[in-house]
N, C-alpha and C. Protein backbone atom coordinates (compact mmCIF):
# COMPACT_ATOMS: atom_id res chain seq x y z
N MET A 1 21.82 57.14 -28.90
CA MET A 1 21.95 55.66 -30.42
C MET A 1 22.80 55.24 -29.53
N SER A 2 23.18 53.68 -29.53
CA SER A 2 24.08 52.95 -29.48
C SER A 2 24.89 52.66 -30.25
N THR A 3 26.53 52.76 -29.49
CA THR A 3 27.35 52.43 -31.03
C THR A 3 27.44 51.04 -31.35
N PRO A 4 28.23 51.02 -32.25
CA PRO A 4 28.12 49.23 -32.88
C PRO A 4 29.17 48.78 -32.01
N GLU A 5 30.25 49.14 -30.98
CA GLU A 5 30.83 48.19 -30.19
C GLU A 5 29.67 47.57 -29.14
N SER A 6 29.01 48.61 -28.45
CA SER A 6 28.31 48.03 -27.62
C SER A 6 27.13 47.27 -28.15
N PHE A 7 26.89 47.20 -29.42
CA PHE A 7 25.78 46.27 -29.72
C PHE A 7 26.45 45.20 -29.83
N ILE A 8 27.68 44.80 -30.46
CA ILE A 8 28.45 43.60 -30.54
C ILE A 8 28.63 42.96 -28.89
N MET A 9 28.97 44.13 -27.95
CA MET A 9 29.33 43.69 -26.71
C MET A 9 28.02 42.75 -26.12
N LYS A 10 26.58 43.52 -26.49
CA LYS A 10 25.57 43.15 -25.90
C LYS A 10 25.37 41.27 -26.58
N LYS A 11 25.42 41.49 -27.89
CA LYS A 11 25.35 40.34 -28.89
C LYS A 11 25.95 39.25 -28.10
N ASN A 12 27.48 39.53 -27.98
CA ASN A 12 28.34 38.67 -27.19
C ASN A 12 27.91 37.75 -26.24
N ILE A 13 27.12 38.97 -25.14
CA ILE A 13 26.65 38.44 -23.70
C ILE A 13 25.48 37.66 -23.59
N LEU A 14 24.80 37.96 -25.04
CA LEU A 14 23.55 36.84 -25.15
C LEU A 14 23.99 35.64 -25.55
N GLY A 15 25.08 35.79 -26.27
CA GLY A 15 25.32 34.38 -27.25
C GLY A 15 26.12 33.22 -26.01
N ALA A 16 26.69 33.92 -24.95
CA ALA A 16 27.22 33.48 -23.91
C ALA A 16 26.46 32.90 -22.89
N PHE A 17 25.47 33.84 -22.71
CA PHE A 17 24.10 33.12 -22.10
C PHE A 17 23.72 32.10 -22.35
N VAL A 18 23.56 31.85 -23.44
CA VAL A 18 22.59 30.90 -24.73
C VAL A 18 23.92 29.66 -24.57
N ILE A 19 25.10 29.70 -24.50
CA ILE A 19 25.70 28.46 -24.66
C ILE A 19 25.73 27.67 -23.28
N MET A 20 25.92 28.77 -22.31
CA MET A 20 26.10 28.45 -20.75
C MET A 20 24.46 27.58 -20.43
N PHE A 21 23.42 28.13 -21.01
CA PHE A 21 22.16 27.50 -20.69
C PHE A 21 22.06 26.09 -21.49
N VAL A 22 22.44 26.31 -22.42
CA VAL A 22 22.25 24.77 -23.28
C VAL A 22 23.25 23.88 -22.72
N ALA A 23 25.06 24.25 -22.18
CA ALA A 23 25.53 23.37 -21.57
C ALA A 23 24.80 23.00 -20.00
N VAL A 24 24.41 23.61 -19.45
CA VAL A 24 23.62 23.29 -18.11
C VAL A 24 22.56 22.36 -18.40
N ALA A 25 21.66 22.73 -19.60
CA ALA A 25 20.44 21.75 -19.77
C ALA A 25 21.31 20.35 -20.25
N LEU A 26 22.05 20.36 -21.10
CA LEU A 26 23.19 19.06 -21.45
C LEU A 26 23.43 18.17 -20.03
N PHE A 27 23.74 19.00 -19.49
CA PHE A 27 24.40 18.56 -18.26
C PHE A 27 23.85 17.89 -17.16
N LEU A 28 22.51 18.33 -17.17
CA LEU A 28 21.72 17.59 -16.70
C LEU A 28 20.89 16.58 -17.12
N MET A 29 20.55 16.75 -18.52
CA MET A 29 19.96 15.44 -19.02
C MET A 29 20.98 14.35 -18.90
N ILE A 30 22.07 14.40 -19.13
CA ILE A 30 23.10 13.32 -19.01
C ILE A 30 23.25 13.09 -17.62
N GLU A 31 23.03 13.74 -16.94
CA GLU A 31 22.83 13.55 -15.29
C GLU A 31 21.66 12.13 -15.09
N ASP A 32 20.76 12.92 -15.51
CA ASP A 32 19.37 12.12 -15.41
C ASP A 32 19.26 10.86 -16.14
N ILE A 33 19.92 10.82 -17.41
CA ILE A 33 19.79 9.30 -17.74
C ILE A 33 20.91 8.44 -17.26
N ALA A 34 22.12 9.13 -16.73
CA ALA A 34 22.80 8.31 -15.98
C ALA A 34 22.29 7.60 -14.28
N LYS A 35 21.63 8.60 -13.79
CA LYS A 35 21.07 8.11 -12.61
C LYS A 35 19.69 7.16 -12.75
N SER A 36 19.16 7.35 -13.81
CA SER A 36 17.89 6.47 -14.28
C SER A 36 18.56 4.88 -14.15
N GLY A 37 19.70 4.55 -15.11
CA GLY A 37 20.11 3.30 -15.31
C GLY A 37 20.23 2.84 -14.04
N LYS A 38 20.81 3.38 -13.07
CA LYS A 38 20.73 2.39 -11.47
C LYS A 38 19.68 2.34 -10.72
N ALA A 39 18.43 2.86 -11.38
CA ALA A 39 17.49 2.81 -10.49
C ALA A 39 16.76 1.34 -10.61
N GLN A 40 16.47 0.81 -9.26
CA GLN A 40 15.71 -0.53 -9.13
C GLN A 40 14.35 -0.77 -9.43
N PRO A 41 14.19 -1.44 -10.28
CA PRO A 41 12.57 -1.81 -10.64
C PRO A 41 11.66 -1.69 -9.29
N THR A 42 10.77 -1.02 -9.37
CA THR A 42 9.52 -1.37 -8.56
C THR A 42 8.23 -1.74 -8.80
N GLN A 43 7.61 -2.64 -8.15
CA GLN A 43 6.66 -3.67 -8.39
C GLN A 43 5.07 -2.16 -7.94
N ASN A 44 4.50 -2.19 -9.06
CA ASN A 44 3.26 -1.22 -9.40
C ASN A 44 2.05 -2.01 -9.17
N VAL A 45 1.81 -3.09 -9.46
CA VAL A 45 0.61 -3.72 -9.40
C VAL A 45 0.58 -5.00 -8.60
N GLU A 46 -0.32 -5.27 -8.08
CA GLU A 46 -0.53 -6.35 -6.96
C GLU A 46 -1.31 -7.66 -7.46
N ILE A 47 -0.54 -8.48 -7.70
CA ILE A 47 -1.21 -9.88 -8.29
C ILE A 47 -1.67 -10.61 -7.47
N TYR A 48 -2.92 -11.32 -7.67
CA TYR A 48 -3.58 -12.06 -6.51
C TYR A 48 -3.74 -13.30 -7.21
N ASP A 49 -3.85 -14.47 -6.29
CA ASP A 49 -4.05 -15.70 -7.05
C ASP A 49 -5.37 -15.54 -6.98
N GLU A 50 -5.96 -16.56 -7.65
CA GLU A 50 -7.46 -16.87 -8.31
C GLU A 50 -8.23 -16.95 -6.72
N ASN A 51 -8.01 -18.07 -5.97
CA ASN A 51 -9.12 -17.78 -4.70
C ASN A 51 -8.49 -17.06 -3.59
N ASN A 52 -7.34 -15.96 -3.85
CA ASN A 52 -7.09 -14.93 -2.68
C ASN A 52 -7.60 -13.78 -3.38
N HIS A 53 -9.10 -13.23 -3.13
CA HIS A 53 -9.62 -12.23 -3.68
C HIS A 53 -9.04 -10.84 -2.79
N PRO A 54 -8.78 -9.91 -3.27
CA PRO A 54 -8.69 -8.57 -2.39
C PRO A 54 -10.09 -8.15 -1.72
N ASN A 55 -9.88 -7.08 -1.02
CA ASN A 55 -11.10 -6.76 -0.41
C ASN A 55 -11.36 -5.38 -1.23
N LEU A 56 -12.20 -6.11 -2.34
CA LEU A 56 -12.77 -4.85 -3.20
C LEU A 56 -14.12 -5.23 -3.68
N ALA A 57 -14.88 -4.43 -4.14
CA ALA A 57 -16.19 -4.41 -4.09
C ALA A 57 -16.15 -4.94 -5.92
N THR A 58 -17.30 -5.72 -5.84
CA THR A 58 -17.40 -6.59 -7.33
C THR A 58 -18.56 -6.31 -7.87
N LEU A 59 -18.82 -6.09 -8.88
CA LEU A 59 -20.38 -5.68 -9.61
C LEU A 59 -20.43 -7.00 -10.68
N ASP A 60 -21.48 -7.50 -10.43
CA ASP A 60 -21.76 -8.67 -11.51
C ASP A 60 -23.08 -7.91 -12.58
N ALA A 61 -22.64 -7.60 -13.49
CA ALA A 61 -23.89 -7.04 -14.65
C ALA A 61 -24.31 -8.30 -15.40
N GLU A 62 -25.43 -8.31 -15.78
CA GLU A 62 -26.47 -9.14 -16.42
C GLU A 62 -26.66 -8.78 -17.77
N ASP A 63 -26.09 -9.26 -18.71
CA ASP A 63 -26.31 -8.90 -19.98
C ASP A 63 -27.57 -9.14 -20.38
């Protein structure tokens, strides 16, 4: 049977572990937000002129 002192010590260690986990998670979130503010936008879509068609197959469907 465990004594009340060891129960309290286990509870304190568990509480300290939870606090450390939350602190690390918050630090990583803040770091990620700070880094994303400095990111350069990238162009993911290619825009073609009307007469400059890409090398894609097109299907003309008749309704």
